[in-house]
Amino acid sequence: MKALVYHGPGKKAWEEKPKPTLIKATDAIVKILKTTICGTDLHIMKGDLPDVTDGRIIGHEGVGIVEETGSSVNNFKKGDHVIISCITSCGKCEYCKKGMYSHCVDGGWILGNLIDGTQAEYVLIPHADNSLYPIPDGADEEALVMLSDILPTGFECGVLNGQVKPGDTLAIVGAGPIGMAALLTAQFYTPAEIIVIDTDENRLAVAKTFGATHTINNTDGKAAEKIAKLTNGKGVDVAIEAVGVPATFELCEAIIGAGGHIANIGVHGKSVVLHMETLWSKNITITTRLVDTVTTPMLFKTVQSKKIEPKKLITHHFKLSEAVEAYETFGNAAKEKALKVIMTAE
C-alpha cells in the first residue's frame, strides 16, 4: 500500500509500505476513505515530538470501511462504515474506567505517534470495539472526520477544562482548526463574549462567521492591551491556548482575570514561562489535557442534528496520493487561506 511516511524533522514522503495485518484478536484493519492533517502532525514534522521515529506513517484522523476484524471484535464486521478515533482505548484498564482514554495502558494517542497512522490506504486499529464509531447510512463523511480529533479536542481540552459558563468572557488564542472547534463548542454554554486572537486576518474573518463576538489581530503584539480595554481592565474569565508556542501561552497568562481559567490545548515542544510573580494571588486555574474522546458520542449527535456544522472548517480537498502537497498547503495556512484539508482515497 501507499502511505505518508515521516523521515525525521522536515522530511516526509508518499511511498510504499507493507499493508498492515492483524496482530491481536481485538484489532481491526480499516481501509481509509477520508483523512486529514492535524496541527499536531505539523509539530511532528518540526521534530517537536521525539517519540515519533523515522519510518512512521503519520495521521490519527479519518473515516473508512472495516476490511478485517480479529476474532474478539464484537461491535464491527467487514464492510462497516466507521469513524476512527484519534485515541485508542481498551475500555478495561484503570485509566479507561476513569474516562481517561488518553492514558489507556495499552493505547492512548498512539496512531501516527507510536504506531502507524491513518494517512495511508489502510490502517491497523487496536482495541477496535472501543476505538471505532459506526457511521449511519446517509451521514456526511467529511463532517464526521472532524469527530476523529478536533471537535472533542477543542471541547474537552478547551471548553470543558476551561469551565466555560453562561455570561463568561472567553478568549481563544489561535484561530486554527482546534481554536475554531473550541469556538463552535463553547457556544453550547452561551458565553457573553468570545474573543478570538490570531495573526491571520482570513482566519479571524472566518471566526466572526462562526460566532466570535470580537477578533483581534495580534501582528502588532498588542492583544493584551486590547483585551484590557475590552474588559475594562478585568481580563477574561477563560483563556484557551490553541497554538502550542510559548508566546501564545504567555499571552493567556497576561489576559486572564482574577478567578479565571487558562485551558491549554496546544502541543508544546518548548518550555514556557510561568509568570507566578503576577499569577500567584489571582486565584487562577491552569489545566492541561490530552483529548480523551469521551464526548465523541454526544458531539456525534450535535453534528448529525446540524446544531454545529464542522464541515464548514474544510477549505481544501486533495487526493490521498497528494498528501505531500496537502501538507504544503496546510503548513502555509495564511498564504493558502487553509483551515482543514481533506484527503480522499481514489
C-alpha atoms as a PDB file:
ATOM      1  CA  MET A   1       0.000   0.000   0.000  1.00  0.00           C
ATOM      2  CA  LYS A   2       0.988   3.672  -0.189  1.00  0.00           C
ATOM      3  CA  ALA A   3       1.323   5.946   2.854  1.00  0.00           C
ATOM      4  CA  LEU A   4       2.669   9.310   4.046  1.00  0.00           C
ATOM      5  CA  VAL A   5       5.866   8.484   5.938  1.00  0.00           C
ATOM      6  CA  TYR A   6       7.870  10.633   8.352  1.00  0.00           C
ATOM      7  CA  HIS A   7      11.653  10.531   7.948  1.00  0.00           C
ATOM      8  CA  GLY A   8      12.799  12.983  10.584  1.00  0.00           C
ATOM      9  CA  PRO A   9      12.251  16.739  11.043  1.00  0.00           C
ATOM     10  CA  GLY A  10      11.213  18.346   7.787  1.00  0.00           C
ATOM     11  CA  LYS A  11      11.302  15.078   5.846  1.00  0.00           C
ATOM     12  CA  LYS A  12       8.276  13.171   4.569  1.00  0.00           C
ATOM     13  CA  ALA A  13       7.385  11.056   1.548  1.00  0.00           C
ATOM     14  CA  TRP A  14       4.428   9.317  -0.090  1.00  0.00           C
ATOM     15  CA  GLU A  15       5.842   5.827  -0.504  1.00  0.00           C
ATOM     16  CA  GLU A  16       5.240   2.090  -0.495  1.00  0.00           C
ATOM     17  CA  LYS A  17       4.731   0.395   2.880  1.00  0.00           C
ATOM     18  CA  PRO A  18       3.532  -3.111   3.844  1.00  0.00           C
ATOM     19  CA  LYS A  19      -0.226  -3.384   4.247  1.00  0.00           C
ATOM     20  CA  PRO A  20      -0.999  -3.888   7.963  1.00  0.00           C
ATOM     21  CA  THR A  21      -2.049  -7.286   9.264  1.00  0.00           C
ATOM     22  CA  LEU A  22      -3.950  -8.242  12.405  1.00  0.00           C
ATOM     23  CA  ILE A  23      -1.712  -8.647  15.447  1.00  0.00           C
ATOM     24  CA  LYS A  24      -4.196  -9.224  18.264  1.00  0.00           C
ATOM     25  CA  ALA A  25      -7.713 -10.656  18.355  1.00  0.00           C
ATOM     26  CA  THR A  26      -9.044  -7.194  19.320  1.00  0.00           C
ATOM     27  CA  ASP A  27      -7.603  -5.493  16.206  1.00  0.00           C
ATOM     28  CA  ALA A  28      -9.287  -4.351  13.020  1.00  0.00           C
ATOM     29  CA  ILE A  29      -7.917  -3.293   9.653  1.00  0.00           C
ATOM     30  CA  VAL A  30      -9.665  -0.250   8.156  1.00  0.00           C
ATOM     31  CA  LYS A  31      -9.488   0.890   4.543  1.00  0.00           C
ATOM     32  CA  ILE A  32      -9.188   4.674   4.614  1.00  0.00           C
ATOM     33  CA  LEU A  33     -11.772   6.670   2.680  1.00  0.00           C
ATOM     34  CA  LYS A  34     -11.023  10.161   4.006  1.00  0.00           C
ATOM     35  CA  THR A  35      -8.384  11.565   6.320  1.00  0.00           C
ATOM     36  CA  THR A  36      -6.950  14.956   7.232  1.00  0.00           C
ATOM     37  CA  ILE A  37      -3.915  16.716   8.685  1.00  0.00           C
ATOM     38  CA  CYS A  38      -3.791  17.947  12.279  1.00  0.00           C
ATOM     39  CA  GLY A  39      -1.720  20.768  13.729  1.00  0.00           C
ATOM     40  CA  THR A  40      -0.086  18.053  15.834  1.00  0.00           C
ATOM     41  CA  ASP A  41       1.180  16.485  12.608  1.00  0.00           C
ATOM     42  CA  LEU A  42       2.914  19.777  11.821  1.00  0.00           C
ATOM     43  CA  HIS A  43       4.523  19.673  15.288  1.00  0.00           C
ATOM     44  CA  ILE A  44       5.735  16.152  14.455  1.00  0.00           C
ATOM     45  CA  MET A  45       7.194  17.378  11.168  1.00  0.00           C
ATOM     46  CA  LYS A  46       9.082  20.090  13.070  1.00  0.00           C
ATOM     47  CA  GLY A  47      10.600  17.466  15.381  1.00  0.00           C
ATOM     48  CA  ASP A  48       8.653  18.592  18.455  1.00  0.00           C
ATOM     49  CA  LEU A  49       7.636  15.001  19.339  1.00  0.00           C
ATOM     50  CA  PRO A  50      10.806  12.900  19.563  1.00  0.00           C
ATOM     51  CA  ASP A  51       8.872   9.659  20.228  1.00  0.00           C
ATOM     52  CA  VAL A  52       7.812   9.702  16.566  1.00  0.00           C
ATOM     53  CA  THR A  53      10.557   7.770  14.793  1.00  0.00           C
ATOM     54  CA  ASP A  54      11.877   7.626  11.241  1.00  0.00           C
ATOM     55  CA  GLY A  55       9.605   5.449   9.089  1.00  0.00           C
ATOM     56  CA  ARG A  56       6.382   6.146  10.975  1.00  0.00           C
ATOM     57  CA  ILE A  57       3.160   6.565   8.992  1.00  0.00           C
ATOM     58  CA  ILE A  58       1.597   9.809  10.213  1.00  0.00           C
ATOM     59  CA  GLY A  59      -2.045  10.671  10.925  1.00  0.00           C
ATOM     60  CA  HIS A  60      -4.664   9.959  13.581  1.00  0.00           C
ATOM     61  CA  GLU A  61      -7.959  11.066  11.996  1.00  0.00           C
ATOM     62  CA  GLY A  62     -10.213   9.546   9.391  1.00  0.00           C
ATOM     63  CA  VAL A  63     -13.209   7.564   8.250  1.00  0.00           C
ATOM     64  CA  GLY A  64     -13.156   4.263   6.427  1.00  0.00           C
ATOM     65  CA  ILE A  65     -14.518   0.790   5.810  1.00  0.00           C
ATOM     66  CA  VAL A  66     -13.658  -2.173   8.023  1.00  0.00           C
ATOM     67  CA  GLU A  67     -11.588  -4.569   5.938  1.00  0.00           C
ATOM     68  CA  GLU A  68     -10.918  -7.290   8.517  1.00  0.00           C
ATOM     69  CA  THR A  69     -11.513  -7.924  12.214  1.00  0.00           C
ATOM     70  CA  GLY A  70      -9.879 -10.042  14.874  1.00  0.00           C
ATOM     71  CA  SER A  71     -11.777 -12.892  16.488  1.00  0.00           C
ATOM     72  CA  SER A  72     -12.543 -10.872  19.647  1.00  0.00           C
ATOM     73  CA  VAL A  73     -14.033  -7.841  17.874  1.00  0.00           C
ATOM     74  CA  ASN A  74     -17.781  -7.921  18.571  1.00  0.00           C
ATOM     75  CA  ASN A  75     -19.098  -4.485  17.577  1.00  0.00           C
ATOM     76  CA  PHE A  76     -17.830  -4.319  13.992  1.00  0.00           C
ATOM     77  CA  LYS A  77     -17.577  -6.550  10.952  1.00  0.00           C
ATOM     78  CA  LYS A  78     -16.128  -6.421   7.454  1.00  0.00           C
ATOM     79  CA  GLY A  79     -17.822  -3.721   5.378  1.00  0.00           C
ATOM     80  CA  ASP A  80     -18.879  -1.486   8.291  1.00  0.00           C
ATOM     81  CA  HIS A  81     -18.543   2.273   7.761  1.00  0.00           C
ATOM     82  CA  VAL A  82     -16.635   3.793  10.713  1.00  0.00           C
ATOM     83  CA  ILE A  83     -15.089   6.886  12.287  1.00  0.00           C
ATOM     84  CA  ILE A  84     -11.566   6.303  13.577  1.00  0.00           C
ATOM     85  CA  SER A  85     -10.949   7.888  16.975  1.00  0.00           C
ATOM     86  CA  CYS A  86      -7.600   9.609  17.422  1.00  0.00           C
ATOM     87  CA  ILE A  87      -7.424   7.915  20.834  1.00  0.00           C
ATOM     88  CA  THR A  88      -7.103   4.147  21.176  1.00  0.00           C
ATOM     89  CA  SER A  89      -8.678   2.693  24.324  1.00  0.00           C
ATOM     90  CA  CYS A  90      -9.038  -0.795  25.754  1.00  0.00           C
ATOM     91  CA  GLY A  91     -12.019   0.243  27.902  1.00  0.00           C
ATOM     92  CA  LYS A  92     -10.882  -2.011  30.745  1.00  0.00           C
ATOM     93  CA  CYS A  93      -7.815  -0.525  32.420  1.00  0.00           C
ATOM     94  CA  GLU A  94      -7.763   1.797  35.438  1.00  0.00           C
ATOM     95  CA  TYR A  95      -7.498   4.932  33.296  1.00  0.00           C
ATOM     96  CA  CYS A  96     -10.207   3.915  30.848  1.00  0.00           C
ATOM     97  CA  LYS A  97     -12.576   3.246  33.740  1.00  0.00           C
ATOM     98  CA  LYS A  98     -11.952   6.838  34.847  1.00  0.00           C
ATOM     99  CA  GLY A  99     -12.791   8.083  31.360  1.00  0.00           C
ATOM    100  CA  MET A 100      -9.114   8.978  30.766  1.00  0.00           C
ATOM    101  CA  TYR A 101      -8.838   7.081  27.493  1.00  0.00           C
ATOM    102  CA  SER A 102      -5.831   9.192  26.540  1.00  0.00           C
ATOM    103  CA  HIS A 103      -3.842   7.381  29.244  1.00  0.00           C
ATOM    104  CA  CYS A 104      -5.028   3.854  28.434  1.00  0.00           C
ATOM    105  CA  VAL A 105      -2.224   1.489  29.452  1.00  0.00           C
ATOM    106  CA  ASP A 106      -2.451  -0.260  26.068  1.00  0.00           C
ATOM    107  CA  GLY A 107      -3.478   2.693  23.953  1.00  0.00           C
ATOM    108  CA  GLY A 108      -3.928   6.441  24.268  1.00  0.00           C
ATOM    109  CA  TRP A 109      -2.673   8.629  21.460  1.00  0.00           C
ATOM    110  CA  ILE A 110      -0.655   6.037  19.592  1.00  0.00           C
ATOM    111  CA  LEU A 111      -1.946   6.339  15.989  1.00  0.00           C
ATOM    112  CA  GLY A 112       0.572   8.235  13.890  1.00  0.00           C
ATOM    113  CA  ASN A 113       2.700   8.589  17.011  1.00  0.00           C
ATOM    114  CA  LEU A 114       3.862   5.271  18.455  1.00  0.00           C
ATOM    115  CA  ILE A 115       2.239   3.077  15.797  1.00  0.00           C
ATOM    116  CA  ASP A 116       1.429   3.668  12.123  1.00  0.00           C
ATOM    117  CA  GLY A 117      -1.440   6.046  11.461  1.00  0.00           C
ATOM    118  CA  THR A 118      -4.226   6.981   9.106  1.00  0.00           C
ATOM    119  CA  GLN A 119      -2.562   8.899   6.277  1.00  0.00           C
ATOM    120  CA  ALA A 120      -2.362   5.660   4.328  1.00  0.00           C
ATOM    121  CA  GLU A 121      -4.540   3.367   2.249  1.00  0.00           C
ATOM    122  CA  TYR A 122      -5.040   1.009   5.227  1.00  0.00           C
ATOM    123  CA  VAL A 123      -4.548   1.308   8.980  1.00  0.00           C
ATOM    124  CA  LEU A 124      -4.436  -1.144  11.896  1.00  0.00           C
ATOM    125  CA  ILE A 125      -6.778  -0.127  14.753  1.00  0.00           C
ATOM    126  CA  PRO A 126      -6.055  -1.800  18.119  1.00  0.00           C
ATOM    127  CA  HIS A 127      -8.984  -2.303  20.511  1.00  0.00           C
ATOM    128  CA  ALA A 128     -11.389  -1.754  17.637  1.00  0.00           C
ATOM    129  CA  ASP A 129     -14.556  -2.161  19.721  1.00  0.00           C
ATOM    130  CA  ASN A 130     -13.633   0.901  21.802  1.00  0.00           C
ATOM    131  CA  SER A 131     -11.683   2.883  19.206  1.00  0.00           C
ATOM    132  CA  LEU A 132     -14.114   2.999  16.263  1.00  0.00           C
ATOM    133  CA  TYR A 133     -17.586   4.532  15.934  1.00  0.00           C
ATOM    134  CA  PRO A 134     -20.253   3.366  13.476  1.00  0.00           C
ATOM    135  CA  ILE A 135     -21.404   5.757  10.751  1.00  0.00           C
ATOM    136  CA  PRO A 136     -25.132   5.560   9.937  1.00  0.00           C
ATOM    137  CA  ASP A 137     -26.369   5.455   6.351  1.00  0.00           C
ATOM    138  CA  GLY A 138     -26.563   8.863   4.710  1.00  0.00           C
ATOM    139  CA  ALA A 139     -24.215  10.596   7.153  1.00  0.00           C
ATOM    140  CA  ASP A 140     -21.812  13.223   5.828  1.00  0.00           C
ATOM    141  CA  GLU A 141     -18.336  11.668   5.863  1.00  0.00           C
ATOM    142  CA  GLU A 142     -16.475  14.958   5.683  1.00  0.00           C
ATOM    143  CA  ALA A 143     -18.264  16.384   8.702  1.00  0.00           C
ATOM    144  CA  LEU A 144     -17.599  13.191  10.647  1.00  0.00           C
ATOM    145  CA  VAL A 145     -13.843  13.319  10.003  1.00  0.00           C
ATOM    146  CA  MET A 146     -13.916  16.289  12.386  1.00  0.00           C
ATOM    147  CA  LEU A 147     -15.115  13.936  15.133  1.00  0.00           C
ATOM    148  CA  SER A 148     -11.887  11.942  14.987  1.00  0.00           C
ATOM    149  CA  ASP A 149      -9.990  14.643  16.825  1.00  0.00           C
ATOM    150  CA  ILE A 150     -10.580  18.383  16.524  1.00  0.00           C
ATOM    151  CA  LEU A 151     -14.133  18.632  17.857  1.00  0.00           C
ATOM    152  CA  PRO A 152     -13.580  16.529  21.002  1.00  0.00           C
ATOM    153  CA  THR A 153     -10.162  18.134  21.497  1.00  0.00           C
ATOM    154  CA  GLY A 154     -11.447  21.696  21.315  1.00  0.00           C
ATOM    155  CA  PHE A 155     -14.409  20.807  23.512  1.00  0.00           C
ATOM    156  CA  GLU A 156     -12.734  18.661  26.172  1.00  0.00           C
ATOM    157  CA  CYS A 157      -9.328  20.326  26.482  1.00  0.00           C
ATOM    158  CA  GLY A 158     -10.581  23.850  25.939  1.00  0.00           C
ATOM    159  CA  VAL A 159     -14.242  24.367  26.771  1.00  0.00           C
ATOM    160  CA  LEU A 160     -14.748  21.732  29.487  1.00  0.00           C
ATOM    161  CA  ASN A 161     -11.359  22.207  31.139  1.00  0.00           C
ATOM    162  CA  GLY A 162     -11.831  25.968  30.957  1.00  0.00           C
ATOM    163  CA  GLN A 163     -15.226  25.581  32.676  1.00  0.00           C
ATOM    164  CA  VAL A 164     -16.899  27.995  30.274  1.00  0.00           C
ATOM    165  CA  LYS A 165     -20.161  29.262  31.817  1.00  0.00           C
ATOM    166  CA  PRO A 166     -23.111  31.389  30.700  1.00  0.00           C
ATOM    167  CA  GLY A 167     -22.130  35.044  30.719  1.00  0.00           C
ATOM    168  CA  ASP A 168     -18.362  34.425  30.645  1.00  0.00           C
ATOM    169  CA  THR A 169     -15.898  36.438  28.623  1.00  0.00           C
ATOM    170  CA  LEU A 170     -13.845  33.879  26.733  1.00  0.00           C
ATOM    171  CA  ALA A 171     -10.652  34.412  24.760  1.00  0.00           C
ATOM    172  CA  ILE A 172      -9.400  31.810  22.305  1.00  0.00           C
ATOM    173  CA  VAL A 173      -5.768  32.314  21.348  1.00  0.00           C
ATOM    174  CA  GLY A 174      -5.290  30.715  17.944  1.00  0.00           C
ATOM    175  CA  ALA A 175      -7.861  30.546  15.134  1.00  0.00           C
ATOM    176  CA  GLY A 176      -6.676  27.320  13.562  1.00  0.00           C
ATOM    177  CA  PRO A 177      -8.948  24.267  13.332  1.00  0.00           C
ATOM    178  CA  ILE A 178      -8.627  23.450  17.052  1.00  0.00           C
ATOM    179  CA  GLY A 179      -9.345  27.029  18.080  1.00  0.00           C
ATOM    180  CA  MET A 180     -12.341  27.033  15.737  1.00  0.00           C
ATOM    181  CA  ALA A 181     -13.562  23.764  17.278  1.00  0.00           C
ATOM    182  CA  ALA A 182     -13.368  25.407  20.707  1.00  0.00           C
ATOM    183  CA  LEU A 183     -15.250  28.399  19.305  1.00  0.00           C
ATOM    184  CA  LEU A 184     -18.041  26.222  17.917  1.00  0.00           C
ATOM    185  CA  THR A 185     -18.482  24.100  21.033  1.00  0.00           C
ATOM    186  CA  ALA A 186     -18.084  26.952  23.566  1.00  0.00           C
ATOM    187  CA  GLN A 187     -21.395  28.264  22.318  1.00  0.00           C
ATOM    188  CA  PHE A 188     -23.142  25.307  23.985  1.00  0.00           C
ATOM    189  CA  TYR A 189     -22.637  27.303  27.218  1.00  0.00           C
ATOM    190  CA  THR A 190     -23.670  30.780  25.966  1.00  0.00           C
ATOM    191  CA  PRO A 191     -20.651  32.856  26.999  1.00  0.00           C
ATOM    192  CA  ALA A 192     -21.407  36.580  26.743  1.00  0.00           C
ATOM    193  CA  GLU A 193     -18.318  37.336  24.668  1.00  0.00           C
ATOM    194  CA  ILE A 194     -15.953  35.196  22.621  1.00  0.00           C
ATOM    195  CA  ILE A 195     -12.757  36.973  21.609  1.00  0.00           C
ATOM    196  CA  VAL A 196     -10.601  35.182  19.031  1.00  0.00           C
ATOM    197  CA  ILE A 197      -6.943  36.201  18.694  1.00  0.00           C
ATOM    198  CA  ASP A 198      -4.657  35.329  15.790  1.00  0.00           C
ATOM    199  CA  THR A 199      -2.286  36.934  13.284  1.00  0.00           C
ATOM    200  CA  ASP A 200      -4.125  35.592  10.216  1.00  0.00           C
ATOM    201  CA  GLU A 201      -6.798  38.031   9.034  1.00  0.00           C
ATOM    202  CA  ASN A 202      -8.551  35.395   6.931  1.00  0.00           C
ATOM    203  CA  ARG A 203      -8.955  33.046   9.899  1.00  0.00           C
ATOM    204  CA  LEU A 204     -10.237  35.901  12.043  1.00  0.00           C
ATOM    205  CA  ALA A 205     -12.838  36.715   9.412  1.00  0.00           C
ATOM    206  CA  VAL A 206     -13.946  33.081   9.414  1.00  0.00           C
ATOM    207  CA  ALA A 207     -14.105  33.131  13.237  1.00  0.00           C
ATOM    208  CA  LYS A 208     -16.585  36.001  13.004  1.00  0.00           C
ATOM    209  CA  THR A 209     -18.876  33.881  10.835  1.00  0.00           C
ATOM    210  CA  PHE A 210     -18.608  31.033  13.367  1.00  0.00           C
ATOM    211  CA  GLY A 211     -19.778  33.143  16.302  1.00  0.00           C
ATOM    212  CA  ALA A 212     -16.850  35.207  17.586  1.00  0.00           C
ATOM    213  CA  THR A 213     -18.099  38.476  19.064  1.00  0.00           C
ATOM    214  CA  HIS A 214     -14.679  40.145  18.748  1.00  0.00           C
ATOM    215  CA  THR A 215     -11.498  39.353  16.829  1.00  0.00           C
ATOM    216  CA  ILE A 216      -8.011  40.699  17.491  1.00  0.00           C
ATOM    217  CA  ASN A 217      -5.118  40.587  15.052  1.00  0.00           C
ATOM    218  CA  ASN A 218      -2.018  40.302  17.237  1.00  0.00           C
ATOM    219  CA  THR A 219       0.511  41.037  14.489  1.00  0.00           C
ATOM    220  CA  ASP A 220       1.416  44.183  16.411  1.00  0.00           C
ATOM    221  CA  GLY A 221       1.808  42.275  19.692  1.00  0.00           C
ATOM    222  CA  LYS A 222      -0.761  44.447  21.462  1.00  0.00           C
ATOM    223  CA  ALA A 223      -3.503  41.876  22.058  1.00  0.00           C
ATOM    224  CA  ALA A 224      -3.143  42.093  25.852  1.00  0.00           C
ATOM    225  CA  GLU A 225      -3.695  45.863  25.753  1.00  0.00           C
ATOM    226  CA  LYS A 226      -6.749  45.447  23.521  1.00  0.00           C
ATOM    227  CA  ILE A 227      -8.193  42.782  25.838  1.00  0.00           C
ATOM    228  CA  ALA A 228      -7.688  45.120  28.795  1.00  0.00           C
ATOM    229  CA  LYS A 229      -9.716  47.815  27.008  1.00  0.00           C
ATOM    230  CA  LEU A 230     -12.473  45.365  26.057  1.00  0.00           C
ATOM    231  CA  THR A 231     -12.793  44.093  29.638  1.00  0.00           C
ATOM    232  CA  ASN A 232     -12.326  47.403  31.489  1.00  0.00           C
ATOM    233  CA  GLY A 233      -9.041  46.122  32.846  1.00  0.00           C
ATOM    234  CA  LYS A 234     -10.514  42.972  34.409  1.00  0.00           C
ATOM    235  CA  GLY A 235      -9.197  40.414  31.946  1.00  0.00           C
ATOM    236  CA  VAL A 236     -11.113  37.409  30.640  1.00  0.00           C
ATOM    237  CA  ASP A 237     -12.840  34.653  32.597  1.00  0.00           C
ATOM    238  CA  VAL A 238     -11.435  31.887  30.395  1.00  0.00           C
ATOM    239  CA  ALA A 239      -8.390  31.859  28.115  1.00  0.00           C
ATOM    240  CA  ILE A 240      -7.953  28.883  25.788  1.00  0.00           C
ATOM    241  CA  GLU A 241      -4.487  28.340  24.320  1.00  0.00           C
ATOM    242  CA  ALA A 242      -4.857  26.656  20.922  1.00  0.00           C
ATOM    243  CA  VAL A 243      -1.454  27.057  19.269  1.00  0.00           C
ATOM    244  CA  GLY A 244       1.301  25.426  21.302  1.00  0.00           C
ATOM    245  CA  VAL A 245       4.107  28.004  21.350  1.00  0.00           C
ATOM    246  CA  PRO A 246       5.494  29.966  24.317  1.00  0.00           C
ATOM    247  CA  ALA A 247       4.215  33.360  23.144  1.00  0.00           C
ATOM    248  CA  THR A 248       0.578  32.282  22.982  1.00  0.00           C
ATOM    249  CA  PHE A 249       0.630  30.628  26.402  1.00  0.00           C
ATOM    250  CA  GLU A 250       2.213  33.742  27.909  1.00  0.00           C
ATOM    251  CA  LEU A 251      -0.486  35.836  26.249  1.00  0.00           C
ATOM    252  CA  CYS A 252      -3.103  33.724  28.047  1.00  0.00           C
ATOM    253  CA  GLU A 253      -1.292  34.462  31.324  1.00  0.00           C
ATOM    254  CA  ALA A 254      -1.329  38.183  30.540  1.00  0.00           C
ATOM    255  CA  ILE A 255      -5.061  38.415  29.749  1.00  0.00           C
ATOM    256  CA  ILE A 256      -6.604  36.147  32.389  1.00  0.00           C
ATOM    257  CA  GLY A 257      -8.697  37.828  35.059  1.00  0.00           C
ATOM    258  CA  ALA A 258      -8.948  37.040  38.759  1.00  0.00           C
ATOM    259  CA  GLY A 259     -10.563  33.662  39.376  1.00  0.00           C
ATOM    260  CA  GLY A 260     -10.096  32.736  35.732  1.00  0.00           C
ATOM    261  CA  HIS A 261      -9.211  29.519  33.945  1.00  0.00           C
ATOM    262  CA  ILE A 262      -6.366  29.028  31.465  1.00  0.00           C
ATOM    263  CA  ALA A 263      -7.056  25.883  29.447  1.00  0.00           C
ATOM    264  CA  ASN A 264      -4.133  24.667  27.379  1.00  0.00           C
ATOM    265  CA  ILE A 265      -4.869  22.707  24.218  1.00  0.00           C
ATOM    266  CA  GLY A 266      -1.706  23.359  22.189  1.00  0.00           C
ATOM    267  CA  VAL A 267       1.040  20.770  21.751  1.00  0.00           C
ATOM    268  CA  HIS A 268       4.136  22.377  23.244  1.00  0.00           C
ATOM    269  CA  GLY A 269       7.585  21.432  22.010  1.00  0.00           C
ATOM    270  CA  LYS A 270       9.388  24.087  24.081  1.00  0.00           C
ATOM    271  CA  SER A 271       9.293  25.301  27.676  1.00  0.00           C
ATOM    272  CA  VAL A 272       7.030  28.213  28.561  1.00  0.00           C
ATOM    273  CA  VAL A 273       7.494  30.811  31.297  1.00  0.00           C
ATOM    274  CA  LEU A 274       5.025  30.593  34.151  1.00  0.00           C
ATOM    275  CA  HIS A 275       4.614  34.132  35.461  1.00  0.00           C
ATOM    276  CA  MET A 276       3.965  33.331  39.093  1.00  0.00           C
ATOM    277  CA  GLU A 277       5.024  36.857  40.022  1.00  0.00           C
ATOM    278  CA  THR A 278       1.713  38.066  38.599  1.00  0.00           C
ATOM    279  CA  LEU A 279      -0.452  34.948  38.924  1.00  0.00           C
ATOM    280  CA  TRP A 280       0.238  33.791  42.485  1.00  0.00           C
ATOM    281  CA  SER A 281      -2.514  35.917  44.033  1.00  0.00           C
ATOM    282  CA  LYS A 282      -5.142  35.786  41.253  1.00  0.00           C
ATOM    283  CA  ASN A 283      -6.932  32.500  42.060  1.00  0.00           C
ATOM    284  CA  ILE A 284      -6.059  31.172  38.607  1.00  0.00           C
ATOM    285  CA  THR A 285      -6.615  27.592  37.470  1.00  0.00           C
ATOM    286  CA  ILE A 286      -4.339  26.243  34.722  1.00  0.00           C
ATOM    287  CA  THR A 287      -5.310  22.971  33.071  1.00  0.00           C
ATOM    288  CA  THR A 288      -3.616  20.668  30.602  1.00  0.00           C
ATOM    289  CA  ARG A 289      -5.143  17.686  28.856  1.00  0.00           C
ATOM    290  CA  LEU A 290      -4.757  15.208  26.065  1.00  0.00           C
ATOM    291  CA  VAL A 291      -8.136  14.606  24.478  1.00  0.00           C
ATOM    292  CA  ASP A 292      -9.953  11.550  25.863  1.00  0.00           C
ATOM    293  CA  THR A 293     -12.749  11.464  23.222  1.00  0.00           C
ATOM    294  CA  VAL A 294     -15.298  10.673  25.943  1.00  0.00           C
ATOM    295  CA  THR A 295     -17.576  13.333  24.433  1.00  0.00           C
ATOM    296  CA  THR A 296     -17.485  11.912  20.895  1.00  0.00           C
ATOM    297  CA  PRO A 297     -20.941  10.239  21.120  1.00  0.00           C
ATOM    298  CA  MET A 298     -22.556  13.492  22.279  1.00  0.00           C
ATOM    299  CA  LEU A 299     -20.739  15.542  19.645  1.00  0.00           C
ATOM    300  CA  PHE A 300     -21.779  12.995  17.018  1.00  0.00           C
ATOM    301  CA  LYS A 301     -25.425  13.753  17.837  1.00  0.00           C
ATOM    302  CA  THR A 302     -24.901  17.512  17.608  1.00  0.00           C
ATOM    303  CA  VAL A 303     -23.215  17.145  14.218  1.00  0.00           C
ATOM    304  CA  GLN A 304     -25.953  14.826  12.922  1.00  0.00           C
ATOM    305  CA  SER A 305     -28.628  17.297  14.028  1.00  0.00           C
ATOM    306  CA  LYS A 306     -26.634  20.178  12.475  1.00  0.00           C
ATOM    307  CA  LYS A 307     -26.529  22.049  15.782  1.00  0.00           C
ATOM    308  CA  ILE A 308     -22.901  22.583  14.832  1.00  0.00           C
ATOM    309  CA  GLU A 309     -21.512  22.244  11.315  1.00  0.00           C
ATOM    310  CA  PRO A 310     -17.802  21.409  11.434  1.00  0.00           C
ATOM    311  CA  LYS A 311     -17.780  20.725   7.697  1.00  0.00           C
ATOM    312  CA  LYS A 312     -17.543  24.497   7.265  1.00  0.00           C
ATOM    313  CA  LEU A 313     -13.951  24.233   8.535  1.00  0.00           C
ATOM    314  CA  ILE A 314     -12.915  22.390   5.365  1.00  0.00           C
ATOM    315  CA  THR A 315     -11.189  24.673   2.874  1.00  0.00           C
ATOM    316  CA  HIS A 316      -9.179  22.341   0.626  1.00  0.00           C
ATOM    317  CA  HIS A 317      -9.575  18.898  -0.938  1.00  0.00           C
ATOM    318  CA  PHE A 318      -6.822  16.576  -2.152  1.00  0.00           C
ATOM    319  CA  LYS A 319      -6.459  13.001  -3.275  1.00  0.00           C
ATOM    320  CA  LEU A 320      -4.802  10.819  -0.645  1.00  0.00           C
ATOM    321  CA  SER A 321      -1.902  10.357  -3.057  1.00  0.00           C
ATOM    322  CA  GLU A 322      -1.403  14.148  -2.955  1.00  0.00           C
ATOM    323  CA  ALA A 323      -0.594  14.072   0.771  1.00  0.00           C
ATOM    324  CA  VAL A 324       2.754  15.861   0.378  1.00  0.00           C
ATOM    325  CA  GLU A 325       1.058  18.716  -1.499  1.00  0.00           C
ATOM    326  CA  ALA A 326      -1.688  18.794   1.152  1.00  0.00           C
ATOM    327  CA  TYR A 327       0.982  19.266   3.849  1.00  0.00           C
ATOM    328  CA  GLU A 328       2.496  22.171   1.929  1.00  0.00           C
ATOM    329  CA  THR A 329      -0.912  23.842   1.739  1.00  0.00           C
ATOM    330  CA  PHE A 330      -1.782  23.239   5.403  1.00  0.00           C
ATOM    331  CA  GLY A 331       1.695  24.265   6.534  1.00  0.00           C
ATOM    332  CA  ASN A 332       1.300  27.596   4.697  1.00  0.00           C
ATOM    333  CA  ALA A 333      -2.196  28.246   6.012  1.00  0.00           C
ATOM    334  CA  ALA A 334      -2.063  32.049   5.947  1.00  0.00           C
ATOM    335  CA  LYS A 335      -0.922  32.183   2.328  1.00  0.00           C
ATOM    336  CA  GLU A 336      -3.284  29.424   1.184  1.00  0.00           C
ATOM    337  CA  LYS A 337      -6.227  30.501   3.392  1.00  0.00           C
ATOM    338  CA  ALA A 338      -6.375  26.961   4.732  1.00  0.00           C
ATOM    339  CA  LEU A 339      -8.215  25.596   7.751  1.00  0.00           C
ATOM    340  CA  LYS A 340      -8.923  21.880   7.366  1.00  0.00           C
ATOM    341  CA  VAL A 341      -7.760  19.878   4.349  1.00  0.00           C
ATOM    342  CA  ILE A 342      -9.485  16.638   3.379  1.00  0.00           C
ATOM    343  CA  MET A 343      -7.607  13.848   1.617  1.00  0.00           C
ATOM    344  CA  THR A 344      -9.805  11.290  -0.165  1.00  0.00           C
ATOM    345  CA  ALA A 345      -8.797   7.822  -1.284  1.00  0.00           C
ATOM    346  CA  GLU A 346      -9.019   7.228  -5.023  1.00  0.00           C
END
